[in-house]
Amino acid sequence: MMPARETMADKGTRNVEGIAPEIDCYQFSDGKWRKSSVAVPQEIAFTIFVNGQELVSILCTPTKLNCLVFGYLYSEGVITGMGDVLSMRVCQDESSADVLLSKPDFILPQRRILTSGCGGGVSFSGTEVKKVSSDLRLSPEQILSLMKKMLRGDALYRISGGIHTSALCDSENILVVAEDIGRHNTLDKIQGECLLRKMPTKDGILLTTGRLSSEMLRKTAVMEIPVVASLTSPTEKAIALARDLGITLIGYAGGRRLSVYSHEERLLS
């Protein structure tokens, strides 16, 4: 049974980035109707232009958009690092970003893969990713403790619900947190923030509240992360990919229990 996440809606919240407060609705409780106003997650179609060409539109929460751009471009192989970017401008009013690369001959990728991400994500990368090699060892208790810390800090979810949270951790601490309506977007935001902060992701631990699917595993491998844990379930293809890529894949991590689907040796004493 999946551990529950509690929603702690704050009706007094105003002007919180990523949240649209004061949405009218009718609530039914104890046999009675009442009119109320609630906070809900914002959603935008955010378009990334590269060298003046439209690359992709991403349904996302309008937070850490610069991180989302850099992380998405990196995970899709459009850039190999910040040195490939001459300039980047995010215009939230126009829901777009203009990226100028140091490669003037950039050609838009032709192959598009519709992913299982929330809202229907698009991936251009059909190339193989390298197997993750790491000497990292952990205890189940460390994973469960980190998951508790992440869930205590999922600020947007506690206001409105409907938001996924992911976190990059070391063995004891939460290092980077991202929230978004799209679970795959949270990983791109983490990757992008790490690029901006010149923070390595290699040998880190990735936690997420969302379902672990194959595109999530591919992004994890690109980040060279050997351990990924979810509050919920992985897919069959994600498990097979984790086994091939050398990633320890953990599901239903909450409370005092978890399930390990691949490379369990990293958690066994």
C-alpha atoms as a PDB file:
ATOM      1  CA  MET A   1       0.000   0.000   0.000  1.00  0.00           C
ATOM      2  CA  MET A   2       1.431   3.389  -1.006  1.00  0.00           C
ATOM      3  CA  PRO A   3       2.242   5.757   1.897  1.00  0.00           C
ATOM      4  CA  ALA A   4      -0.116   8.724   2.018  1.00  0.00           C
ATOM      5  CA  ARG A   5       0.992  12.316   1.614  1.00  0.00           C
ATOM      6  CA  GLU A   6      -0.910  14.808   3.696  1.00  0.00           C
ATOM      7  CA  THR A   7      -2.157  18.008   2.116  1.00  0.00           C
ATOM      8  CA  MET A   8      -1.937  21.009   4.414  1.00  0.00           C
ATOM      9  CA  ALA A   9      -3.723  23.696   2.399  1.00  0.00           C
ATOM     10  CA  ASP A  10      -3.068  27.228   3.615  1.00  0.00           C
ATOM     11  CA  LYS A  11      -5.997  29.410   2.568  1.00  0.00           C
ATOM     12  CA  GLY A  12      -4.089  32.473   3.743  1.00  0.00           C
ATOM     13  CA  THR A  13      -1.352  31.954   1.159  1.00  0.00           C
ATOM     14  CA  ARG A  14      -0.981  34.766  -1.369  1.00  0.00           C
ATOM     15  CA  ASN A  15       1.400  35.268  -4.279  1.00  0.00           C
ATOM     16  CA  VAL A  16       3.216  31.972  -3.914  1.00  0.00           C
ATOM     17  CA  GLU A  17       5.203  31.202  -7.066  1.00  0.00           C
ATOM     18  CA  GLY A  18       3.682  28.233  -8.869  1.00  0.00           C
ATOM     19  CA  ILE A  19       0.338  28.381  -7.049  1.00  0.00           C
ATOM     20  CA  ALA A  20      -2.940  29.952  -8.185  1.00  0.00           C
ATOM     21  CA  PRO A  21      -4.898  30.800  -5.017  1.00  0.00           C
ATOM     22  CA  GLU A  22      -8.500  31.903  -4.651  1.00  0.00           C
ATOM     23  CA  ILE A  23     -10.032  29.468  -7.141  1.00  0.00           C
ATOM     24  CA  ASP A  24     -13.753  29.085  -6.443  1.00  0.00           C
ATOM     25  CA  CYS A  25     -15.199  25.621  -6.014  1.00  0.00           C
ATOM     26  CA  TYR A  26     -18.051  23.793  -4.298  1.00  0.00           C
ATOM     27  CA  GLN A  27     -17.126  21.301  -1.603  1.00  0.00           C
ATOM     28  CA  PHE A  28     -19.301  18.444  -0.387  1.00  0.00           C
ATOM     29  CA  SER A  29     -18.717  17.169   3.147  1.00  0.00           C
ATOM     30  CA  ASP A  30     -20.880  15.478   5.787  1.00  0.00           C
ATOM     31  CA  GLY A  31     -23.907  15.610   3.493  1.00  0.00           C
ATOM     32  CA  LYS A  32     -23.680  19.357   2.901  1.00  0.00           C
ATOM     33  CA  TRP A  33     -22.457  21.640   0.131  1.00  0.00           C
ATOM     34  CA  ARG A  34     -20.527  24.833   0.699  1.00  0.00           C
ATOM     35  CA  LYS A  35     -18.822  27.353  -1.563  1.00  0.00           C
ATOM     36  CA  SER A  36     -15.133  27.779  -0.951  1.00  0.00           C
ATOM     37  CA  SER A  37     -11.925  29.091  -2.491  1.00  0.00           C
ATOM     38  CA  VAL A  38      -8.834  26.939  -2.763  1.00  0.00           C
ATOM     39  CA  ALA A  39      -5.243  27.050  -3.997  1.00  0.00           C
ATOM     40  CA  VAL A  40      -4.357  24.937  -7.051  1.00  0.00           C
ATOM     41  CA  PRO A  41      -1.094  24.379  -8.984  1.00  0.00           C
ATOM     42  CA  GLN A  42      -0.387  26.701 -11.887  1.00  0.00           C
ATOM     43  CA  GLU A  43       0.264  25.145 -15.296  1.00  0.00           C
ATOM     44  CA  ILE A  44       1.801  26.798 -18.343  1.00  0.00           C
ATOM     45  CA  ALA A  45       2.886  25.649 -21.787  1.00  0.00           C
ATOM     46  CA  PHE A  46       6.517  26.777 -21.738  1.00  0.00           C
ATOM     47  CA  THR A  47       8.274  26.943 -25.112  1.00  0.00           C
ATOM     48  CA  ILE A  48      12.038  26.656 -25.551  1.00  0.00           C
ATOM     49  CA  PHE A  49      13.624  28.273 -28.618  1.00  0.00           C
ATOM     50  CA  VAL A  50      17.193  27.332 -29.537  1.00  0.00           C
ATOM     51  CA  ASN A  51      19.084  29.569 -31.983  1.00  0.00           C
ATOM     52  CA  GLY A  52      15.735  31.053 -33.021  1.00  0.00           C
ATOM     53  CA  GLN A  53      14.150  27.659 -33.698  1.00  0.00           C
ATOM     54  CA  GLU A  54      11.269  26.275 -31.658  1.00  0.00           C
ATOM     55  CA  LEU A  55      12.514  23.125 -29.957  1.00  0.00           C
ATOM     56  CA  VAL A  56       9.715  22.020 -27.615  1.00  0.00           C
ATOM     57  CA  SER A  57       6.780  23.161 -25.483  1.00  0.00           C
ATOM     58  CA  ILE A  58       6.683  21.734 -21.963  1.00  0.00           C
ATOM     59  CA  LEU A  59       3.657  21.681 -19.685  1.00  0.00           C
ATOM     60  CA  CYS A  60       5.102  22.714 -16.356  1.00  0.00           C
ATOM     61  CA  THR A  61       4.831  24.649 -13.110  1.00  0.00           C
ATOM     62  CA  PRO A  62       6.311  28.157 -13.569  1.00  0.00           C
ATOM     63  CA  THR A  63       9.103  27.816 -10.975  1.00  0.00           C
ATOM     64  CA  LYS A  64      12.858  27.490 -11.563  1.00  0.00           C
ATOM     65  CA  LEU A  65      12.267  27.887 -15.293  1.00  0.00           C
ATOM     66  CA  ASN A  66      15.921  28.671 -15.993  1.00  0.00           C
ATOM     67  CA  CYS A  67      16.866  25.405 -14.299  1.00  0.00           C
ATOM     68  CA  LEU A  68      14.225  23.559 -16.324  1.00  0.00           C
ATOM     69  CA  VAL A  69      15.671  24.893 -19.586  1.00  0.00           C
ATOM     70  CA  PHE A  70      19.279  24.011 -18.837  1.00  0.00           C
ATOM     71  CA  GLY A  71      18.359  20.641 -17.357  1.00  0.00           C
ATOM     72  CA  TYR A  72      16.151  19.683 -20.292  1.00  0.00           C
ATOM     73  CA  LEU A  73      18.766  20.687 -22.873  1.00  0.00           C
ATOM     74  CA  TYR A  74      21.438  18.748 -21.006  1.00  0.00           C
ATOM     75  CA  SER A  75      19.387  15.590 -20.483  1.00  0.00           C
ATOM     76  CA  GLU A  76      18.387  15.591 -24.165  1.00  0.00           C
ATOM     77  CA  GLY A  77      21.980  15.989 -25.326  1.00  0.00           C
ATOM     78  CA  VAL A  78      21.446  19.402 -26.904  1.00  0.00           C
ATOM     79  CA  ILE A  79      24.210  20.782 -24.662  1.00  0.00           C
ATOM     80  CA  THR A  80      27.069  19.021 -22.898  1.00  0.00           C
ATOM     81  CA  GLY A  81      27.607  21.784 -20.344  1.00  0.00           C
ATOM     82  CA  MET A  82      27.141  25.472 -19.635  1.00  0.00           C
ATOM     83  CA  GLY A  83      30.004  26.291 -21.999  1.00  0.00           C
ATOM     84  CA  ASP A  84      27.726  25.451 -24.939  1.00  0.00           C
ATOM     85  CA  VAL A  85      25.337  28.299 -24.022  1.00  0.00           C
ATOM     86  CA  LEU A  86      26.177  31.848 -25.110  1.00  0.00           C
ATOM     87  CA  SER A  87      23.020  33.377 -23.640  1.00  0.00           C
ATOM     88  CA  MET A  88      19.596  32.475 -22.304  1.00  0.00           C
ATOM     89  CA  ARG A  89      16.575  34.688 -21.700  1.00  0.00           C
ATOM     90  CA  VAL A  90      13.440  33.525 -19.906  1.00  0.00           C
ATOM     91  CA  CYS A  91      10.276  35.549 -20.442  1.00  0.00           C
ATOM     92  CA  GLN A  92       7.634  34.290 -18.019  1.00  0.00           C
ATOM     93  CA  ASP A  93       4.992  36.675 -19.411  1.00  0.00           C
ATOM     94  CA  GLU A  94       5.402  35.049 -22.830  1.00  0.00           C
ATOM     95  CA  SER A  95       5.988  31.570 -21.335  1.00  0.00           C
ATOM     96  CA  SER A  96       9.135  31.099 -23.370  1.00  0.00           C
ATOM     97  CA  ALA A  97      12.902  30.899 -23.254  1.00  0.00           C
ATOM     98  CA  ASP A  98      15.367  31.937 -25.962  1.00  0.00           C
ATOM     99  CA  VAL A  99      18.658  30.066 -25.889  1.00  0.00           C
ATOM    100  CA  LEU A 100      21.644  30.990 -28.052  1.00  0.00           C
ATOM    101  CA  LEU A 101      24.186  28.201 -28.432  1.00  0.00           C
ATOM    102  CA  SER A 102      27.854  28.473 -29.337  1.00  0.00           C
ATOM    103  CA  LYS A 103      27.003  26.023 -32.136  1.00  0.00           C
ATOM    104  CA  PRO A 104      25.538  28.212 -34.935  1.00  0.00           C
ATOM    105  CA  ASP A 105      24.929  25.144 -37.086  1.00  0.00           C
ATOM    106  CA  PHE A 106      22.541  23.565 -34.543  1.00  0.00           C
ATOM    107  CA  ILE A 107      19.902  21.440 -36.272  1.00  0.00           C
ATOM    108  CA  LEU A 108      16.621  20.575 -34.563  1.00  0.00           C
ATOM    109  CA  PRO A 109      16.367  16.881 -33.638  1.00  0.00           C
ATOM    110  CA  GLN A 110      13.941  15.083 -35.922  1.00  0.00           C
ATOM    111  CA  ARG A 111      13.011  12.077 -33.802  1.00  0.00           C
ATOM    112  CA  ARG A 112      10.418  12.827 -31.117  1.00  0.00           C
ATOM    113  CA  ILE A 113       9.362  10.318 -28.468  1.00  0.00           C
ATOM    114  CA  LEU A 114       6.122  10.926 -26.582  1.00  0.00           C
ATOM    115  CA  THR A 115       6.955   9.962 -23.001  1.00  0.00           C
ATOM    116  CA  SER A 116       4.680   8.863 -20.168  1.00  0.00           C
ATOM    117  CA  GLY A 117       5.351  12.059 -18.246  1.00  0.00           C
ATOM    118  CA  CYS A 118       2.476  14.077 -16.846  1.00  0.00           C
ATOM    119  CA  GLY A 119       0.968  16.088 -19.682  1.00  0.00           C
ATOM    120  CA  GLY A 120       2.767  13.985 -22.285  1.00  0.00           C
ATOM    121  CA  GLY A 121       6.459  14.875 -22.259  1.00  0.00           C
ATOM    122  CA  VAL A 122       8.619  14.884 -25.385  1.00  0.00           C
ATOM    123  CA  SER A 123      12.084  13.365 -25.587  1.00  0.00           C
ATOM    124  CA  PHE A 124      14.472  13.665 -28.532  1.00  0.00           C
ATOM    125  CA  SER A 125      17.178  11.380 -27.220  1.00  0.00           C
ATOM    126  CA  GLY A 126      17.082   7.864 -28.582  1.00  0.00           C
ATOM    127  CA  THR A 127      20.783   7.318 -27.930  1.00  0.00           C
ATOM    128  CA  GLU A 128      22.234   4.889 -25.430  1.00  0.00           C
ATOM    129  CA  VAL A 129      23.336   6.154 -22.027  1.00  0.00           C
ATOM    130  CA  LYS A 130      26.351   4.877 -20.119  1.00  0.00           C
ATOM    131  CA  LYS A 131      26.087   2.346 -17.341  1.00  0.00           C
ATOM    132  CA  VAL A 132      26.374   3.918 -13.888  1.00  0.00           C
ATOM    133  CA  SER A 133      29.388   2.769 -11.877  1.00  0.00           C
ATOM    134  CA  SER A 134      29.571   3.670  -8.179  1.00  0.00           C
ATOM    135  CA  ASP A 135      30.899   2.373  -4.860  1.00  0.00           C
ATOM    136  CA  LEU A 136      28.042   4.056  -2.958  1.00  0.00           C
ATOM    137  CA  ARG A 137      26.587   1.966  -0.125  1.00  0.00           C
ATOM    138  CA  LEU A 138      23.561   2.860   2.006  1.00  0.00           C
ATOM    139  CA  SER A 139      21.255   1.408   4.603  1.00  0.00           C
ATOM    140  CA  PRO A 140      17.485   1.208   4.098  1.00  0.00           C
ATOM    141  CA  GLU A 141      17.129   3.472   7.130  1.00  0.00           C
ATOM    142  CA  GLN A 142      19.114   6.214   5.395  1.00  0.00           C
ATOM    143  CA  ILE A 143      16.805   6.119   2.369  1.00  0.00           C
ATOM    144  CA  LEU A 144      13.690   6.238   4.542  1.00  0.00           C
ATOM    145  CA  SER A 145      15.088   9.104   6.618  1.00  0.00           C
ATOM    146  CA  LEU A 146      15.883  11.128   3.479  1.00  0.00           C
ATOM    147  CA  MET A 147      12.393  10.491   2.114  1.00  0.00           C
ATOM    148  CA  LYS A 148      10.869  11.856   5.326  1.00  0.00           C
ATOM    149  CA  LYS A 149      13.041  14.967   5.082  1.00  0.00           C
ATOM    150  CA  MET A 150      11.996  15.559   1.473  1.00  0.00           C
ATOM    151  CA  LEU A 151       8.287  15.176   2.224  1.00  0.00           C
ATOM    152  CA  ARG A 152       8.549  17.665   5.085  1.00  0.00           C
ATOM    153  CA  GLY A 153       9.873  20.206   2.621  1.00  0.00           C
ATOM    154  CA  ASP A 154       7.463  19.826  -0.329  1.00  0.00           C
ATOM    155  CA  ALA A 155       6.110  23.337   0.126  1.00  0.00           C
ATOM    156  CA  LEU A 156       3.883  23.658  -2.955  1.00  0.00           C
ATOM    157  CA  TYR A 157       2.235  20.272  -2.445  1.00  0.00           C
ATOM    158  CA  ARG A 158       1.310  21.216   1.101  1.00  0.00           C
ATOM    159  CA  ILE A 159      -0.433  24.334  -0.156  1.00  0.00           C
ATOM    160  CA  SER A 160      -2.385  22.917  -3.093  1.00  0.00           C
ATOM    161  CA  GLY A 161      -1.679  19.223  -3.735  1.00  0.00           C
ATOM    162  CA  GLY A 162      -1.250  18.057  -7.330  1.00  0.00           C
ATOM    163  CA  ILE A 163       2.508  18.613  -7.359  1.00  0.00           C
ATOM    164  CA  HIS A 164       5.413  16.178  -7.707  1.00  0.00           C
ATOM    165  CA  THR A 165       8.585  16.621  -5.647  1.00  0.00           C
ATOM    166  CA  SER A 166      12.072  15.286  -6.340  1.00  0.00           C
ATOM    167  CA  ALA A 167      15.317  15.780  -4.458  1.00  0.00           C
ATOM    168  CA  LEU A 168      19.035  15.211  -4.949  1.00  0.00           C
ATOM    169  CA  CYS A 169      20.682  14.024  -1.749  1.00  0.00           C
ATOM    170  CA  ASP A 170      23.896  12.757  -0.283  1.00  0.00           C
ATOM    171  CA  SER A 171      23.773   9.994   2.298  1.00  0.00           C
ATOM    172  CA  GLU A 172      22.546  12.337   5.044  1.00  0.00           C
ATOM    173  CA  ASN A 173      21.187  15.579   3.583  1.00  0.00           C
ATOM    174  CA  ILE A 174      18.838  17.033   0.985  1.00  0.00           C
ATOM    175  CA  LEU A 175      20.924  19.081  -1.471  1.00  0.00           C
ATOM    176  CA  VAL A 176      18.491  20.283  -4.179  1.00  0.00           C
ATOM    177  CA  VAL A 177      14.691  20.140  -4.303  1.00  0.00           C
ATOM    178  CA  ALA A 178      12.370  20.721  -7.276  1.00  0.00           C
ATOM    179  CA  GLU A 179       8.571  20.708  -7.525  1.00  0.00           C
ATOM    180  CA  ASP A 180       6.436  20.562 -10.662  1.00  0.00           C
ATOM    181  CA  ILE A 181       3.187  19.170 -12.055  1.00  0.00           C
ATOM    182  CA  GLY A 182       5.393  16.970 -14.276  1.00  0.00           C
ATOM    183  CA  ARG A 183       7.525  14.429 -12.444  1.00  0.00           C
ATOM    184  CA  HIS A 184      10.081  14.350 -15.286  1.00  0.00           C
ATOM    185  CA  ASN A 185      10.301  18.162 -15.111  1.00  0.00           C
ATOM    186  CA  THR A 186      11.477  17.915 -11.499  1.00  0.00           C
ATOM    187  CA  LEU A 187      14.521  15.932 -12.621  1.00  0.00           C
ATOM    188  CA  ASP A 188      15.350  18.466 -15.342  1.00  0.00           C
ATOM    189  CA  LYS A 189      15.031  21.289 -12.800  1.00  0.00           C
ATOM    190  CA  ILE A 190      17.436  19.491 -10.462  1.00  0.00           C
ATOM    191  CA  GLN A 191      19.907  18.859 -13.299  1.00  0.00           C
ATOM    192  CA  GLY A 192      19.682  22.492 -14.407  1.00  0.00           C
ATOM    193  CA  GLU A 193      20.176  23.889 -10.908  1.00  0.00           C
ATOM    194  CA  CYS A 194      23.218  21.665 -10.442  1.00  0.00           C
ATOM    195  CA  LEU A 195      24.683  22.947 -13.713  1.00  0.00           C
ATOM    196  CA  LEU A 196      24.112  26.546 -12.628  1.00  0.00           C
ATOM    197  CA  ARG A 197      25.602  25.919  -9.184  1.00  0.00           C
ATOM    198  CA  LYS A 198      28.454  23.797 -10.582  1.00  0.00           C
ATOM    199  CA  MET A 199      27.322  21.003  -8.288  1.00  0.00           C
ATOM    200  CA  PRO A 200      28.089  17.420  -9.370  1.00  0.00           C
ATOM    201  CA  THR A 201      25.237  14.924  -9.489  1.00  0.00           C
ATOM    202  CA  LYS A 202      27.488  11.856  -9.790  1.00  0.00           C
ATOM    203  CA  ASP A 203      27.162   9.397  -6.878  1.00  0.00           C
ATOM    204  CA  GLY A 204      24.133  11.242  -5.519  1.00  0.00           C
ATOM    205  CA  ILE A 205      20.808   9.790  -4.399  1.00  0.00           C
ATOM    206  CA  LEU A 206      17.616  10.763  -6.207  1.00  0.00           C
ATOM    207  CA  LEU A 207      14.245  10.745  -4.456  1.00  0.00           C
ATOM    208  CA  THR A 208      10.877  11.380  -6.070  1.00  0.00           C
ATOM    209  CA  THR A 209       7.192  11.206  -5.231  1.00  0.00           C
ATOM    210  CA  GLY A 210       6.260  10.233  -8.778  1.00  0.00           C
ATOM    211  CA  ARG A 211       6.077   6.968 -10.695  1.00  0.00           C
ATOM    212  CA  LEU A 212       9.471   5.827 -11.993  1.00  0.00           C
ATOM    213  CA  SER A 213       9.234   5.208 -15.723  1.00  0.00           C
ATOM    214  CA  SER A 214      11.904   4.504 -18.327  1.00  0.00           C
ATOM    215  CA  GLU A 215      12.488   8.168 -19.227  1.00  0.00           C
ATOM    216  CA  MET A 216      12.992   8.931 -15.533  1.00  0.00           C
ATOM    217  CA  LEU A 217      15.641   6.195 -15.397  1.00  0.00           C
ATOM    218  CA  ARG A 218      17.363   7.541 -18.484  1.00  0.00           C
ATOM    219  CA  LYS A 219      17.583  11.004 -16.913  1.00  0.00           C
ATOM    220  CA  THR A 220      18.927   9.402 -13.727  1.00  0.00           C
ATOM    221  CA  ALA A 221      21.643   7.639 -15.713  1.00  0.00           C
ATOM    222  CA  VAL A 222      22.606  10.860 -17.517  1.00  0.00           C
ATOM    223  CA  MET A 223      23.082  12.405 -14.056  1.00  0.00           C
ATOM    224  CA  GLU A 224      25.301   9.406 -13.103  1.00  0.00           C
ATOM    225  CA  ILE A 225      23.155   8.716 -10.046  1.00  0.00           C
ATOM    226  CA  PRO A 226      23.403   5.135  -8.732  1.00  0.00           C
ATOM    227  CA  VAL A 227      20.375   5.082  -6.399  1.00  0.00           C
ATOM    228  CA  VAL A 228      16.835   6.306  -7.099  1.00  0.00           C
ATOM    229  CA  ALA A 229      13.874   5.882  -4.771  1.00  0.00           C
ATOM    230  CA  SER A 230      10.191   6.656  -5.218  1.00  0.00           C
ATOM    231  CA  LEU A 231       7.242   7.001  -2.918  1.00  0.00           C
ATOM    232  CA  THR A 232       5.302   4.909  -5.432  1.00  0.00           C
ATOM    233  CA  SER A 233       5.935   2.249  -8.094  1.00  0.00           C
ATOM    234  CA  PRO A 234       8.389   1.799 -10.971  1.00  0.00           C
ATOM    235  CA  THR A 235       7.228   0.477 -14.328  1.00  0.00           C
ATOM    236  CA  GLU A 236       8.358  -2.858 -15.748  1.00  0.00           C
ATOM    237  CA  LYS A 237      10.520  -1.138 -18.369  1.00  0.00           C
ATOM    238  CA  ALA A 238      12.090   1.102 -15.721  1.00  0.00           C
ATOM    239  CA  ILE A 239      13.090  -1.966 -13.702  1.00  0.00           C
ATOM    240  CA  ALA A 240      14.651  -3.640 -16.738  1.00  0.00           C
ATOM    241  CA  LEU A 241      16.509  -0.423 -17.612  1.00  0.00           C
ATOM    242  CA  ALA A 242      17.756   0.015 -14.033  1.00  0.00           C
ATOM    243  CA  ARG A 243      19.173  -3.515 -14.071  1.00  0.00           C
ATOM    244  CA  ASP A 244      20.956  -2.852 -17.363  1.00  0.00           C
ATOM    245  CA  LEU A 245      22.269   0.570 -16.295  1.00  0.00           C
ATOM    246  CA  GLY A 246      23.584  -0.460 -12.885  1.00  0.00           C
ATOM    247  CA  ILE A 247      21.078   1.656 -10.934  1.00  0.00           C
ATOM    248  CA  THR A 248      19.564   0.630  -7.615  1.00  0.00           C
ATOM    249  CA  LEU A 249      15.831   1.140  -8.082  1.00  0.00           C
ATOM    250  CA  ILE A 250      13.637   1.479  -4.999  1.00  0.00           C
ATOM    251  CA  GLY A 251       9.856   1.779  -4.851  1.00  0.00           C
ATOM    252  CA  TYR A 252       7.255   2.366  -2.157  1.00  0.00           C
ATOM    253  CA  ALA A 253       9.831   3.981   0.115  1.00  0.00           C
ATOM    254  CA  GLY A 254       7.903   5.328   3.076  1.00  0.00           C
ATOM    255  CA  GLY A 255       7.309   4.745   6.735  1.00  0.00           C
ATOM    256  CA  ARG A 256       9.471   1.814   7.755  1.00  0.00           C
ATOM    257  CA  ARG A 257       9.553  -0.136   4.493  1.00  0.00           C
ATOM    258  CA  LEU A 258      10.695  -0.087   0.882  1.00  0.00           C
ATOM    259  CA  SER A 259      11.022  -2.451  -2.091  1.00  0.00           C
ATOM    260  CA  VAL A 260      14.271  -2.876  -4.065  1.00  0.00           C
ATOM    261  CA  TYR A 261      13.992  -4.030  -7.700  1.00  0.00           C
ATOM    262  CA  SER A 262      17.588  -3.889  -8.914  1.00  0.00           C
ATOM    263  CA  HIS A 263      21.172  -3.847  -7.650  1.00  0.00           C
ATOM    264  CA  GLU A 264      20.138  -4.470  -4.079  1.00  0.00           C
ATOM    265  CA  GLU A 265      23.782  -5.011  -3.133  1.00  0.00           C
ATOM    266  CA  ARG A 266      24.118  -1.269  -2.463  1.00  0.00           C
ATOM    267  CA  LEU A 267      21.627  -1.549   0.407  1.00  0.00           C
ATOM    268  CA  LEU A 268      22.576  -4.909   1.849  1.00  0.00           C
ATOM    269  CA  SER A 269      24.968  -4.986   4.808  1.00  0.00           C
END
